[in-house]
Protein backbone atom coordinates (compact mmCIF):
# COMPACT_ATOMS: atom_id res chain seq x y z
CA MET A 1 0.00 0.00 0.00
CA LYS A 2 1.36 3.37 -1.01
CA PHE A 3 0.71 6.60 0.88
CA SER A 4 0.01 9.78 -1.03
CA GLY A 5 1.04 13.27 0.00
CA LYS A 6 -2.50 13.93 1.24
CA ASP A 7 -2.34 10.87 3.51
CA LEU A 8 0.94 12.01 5.02
CA ALA A 9 -0.35 15.57 5.48
CA PHE A 10 -3.47 14.25 7.23
CA ALA A 11 -1.38 12.02 9.51
CA ALA A 12 0.94 14.93 10.35
CA ALA A 13 -2.04 17.17 11.17
CA ALA A 14 -3.57 14.47 13.38
CA VAL A 15 -0.29 14.03 15.27
CA ALA A 16 0.02 17.82 15.69
CA VAL A 17 -3.50 18.03 17.16
CA LEU A 18 -2.75 15.18 19.58
CA VAL A 19 0.49 16.84 20.69
CA VAL A 20 -1.31 20.13 21.37
CA VAL A 21 -4.07 18.38 23.32
CA VAL A 22 -1.67 16.29 25.40
CA LEU A 23 0.64 19.20 26.19
CA GLY A 24 -2.32 21.44 27.06
CA THR A 25 -3.76 19.05 29.64
CA GLY A 26 -0.82 19.49 32.00
CA LYS A 27 -1.18 23.25 32.22
CA LYS A 28 -2.08 24.53 35.67
CA LEU A 29 -4.58 27.38 35.43
CA GLY A 30 -4.16 28.96 38.84
CA PRO A 31 -2.68 28.41 42.28
CA ASP A 32 -4.44 25.99 44.60
CA VAL A 33 -6.66 27.31 47.37
CA PRO A 34 -4.44 27.32 50.47
CA ASP A 35 -5.28 24.94 53.29
CA ASP A 36 -5.30 27.61 55.98
CA ASN A 37 -7.71 28.96 58.60
CA ASP A 38 -9.10 31.59 56.22
CA HIS A 39 -10.34 28.91 53.82
CA GLN A 40 -11.43 26.18 56.28
CA ALA A 41 -15.10 27.21 56.12
CA PHE A 42 -15.09 26.67 52.36
CA PHE A 43 -13.38 23.28 52.68
CA SER A 44 -15.98 22.27 55.29
CA GLN A 45 -18.84 23.29 52.99
CA LEU A 46 -17.36 21.22 50.15
CA ALA A 47 -16.79 18.22 52.44
CA GLN A 48 -20.43 18.37 53.56
CA GLY A 49 -21.61 18.21 49.96
CA GLY A 50 -21.96 21.93 49.27
CA LYS A 51 -22.27 22.85 45.62
CA ARG A 52 -19.21 24.49 44.09
CA VAL A 53 -21.28 27.39 42.73
CA GLU A 54 -22.65 28.20 46.18
CA VAL A 55 -19.27 27.86 47.91
CA GLU A 56 -17.64 30.19 45.37
CA LYS A 57 -19.98 33.01 46.32
CA GLY A 58 -18.01 33.31 49.56
CA CYS A 59 -14.78 34.00 47.66
CA ARG A 60 -15.99 37.51 46.82
CA SER A 61 -15.96 38.57 50.47
CA CYS A 62 -12.14 38.50 50.58
CA HIS A 63 -11.29 38.53 46.87
CA PRO A 64 -13.45 41.19 45.16
CA MET A 65 -13.25 41.19 41.37
CA ALA A 66 -11.96 44.78 41.37
CA GLU A 67 -8.83 43.73 43.29
CA LEU A 68 -7.88 40.79 41.06
CA PRO A 69 -5.11 41.20 38.46
CA GLU A 70 -6.14 42.77 35.16
CA ALA A 71 -5.45 39.54 33.26
CA HIS A 72 -7.78 37.55 35.56
CA PRO A 73 -10.94 36.22 33.84
CA HIS A 74 -14.06 38.19 34.71
CA LYS A 75 -15.99 35.17 35.96
CA GLU A 76 -16.85 33.98 39.39
CA GLU A 77 -16.05 30.33 38.82
CA CYS A 78 -13.07 30.29 41.15
CA MET A 79 -12.73 26.55 41.64
CA VAL A 80 -12.52 25.81 37.94
CA CYS A 81 -8.93 27.12 38.02
CA HIS A 82 -8.15 27.21 41.76
CA GLN A 83 -8.44 23.68 43.12
CA PRO A 84 -8.75 22.96 46.84
CA GLY A 85 -5.23 22.26 48.16
C-alpha cells in the first residue's frame, strides 16, 4: 500500500493536534486554594456536599473582582482554576 502526500499531510495534522491536546492538559490554570484557617469554612462546605457554585460566592468577600489582576478572567467560577489544596 502506497501513501500519497495527502495521507501524510493528514497524519501529520492528526499528530500535531494530539500533541497540542496532550501538552495542554498538564497546564495549571491557577494556584491551589491554600489549606489555611481563612479557607477552612469553604473546605468544610465542600466536604459536607456543598455545591461548588454556592461555595464560590463566599470568595468575593475576601477577593473582590476589582482587586484581582487585570489579566484575571471576569468570571466567578473560582474553583474551575483554583483547586482545593
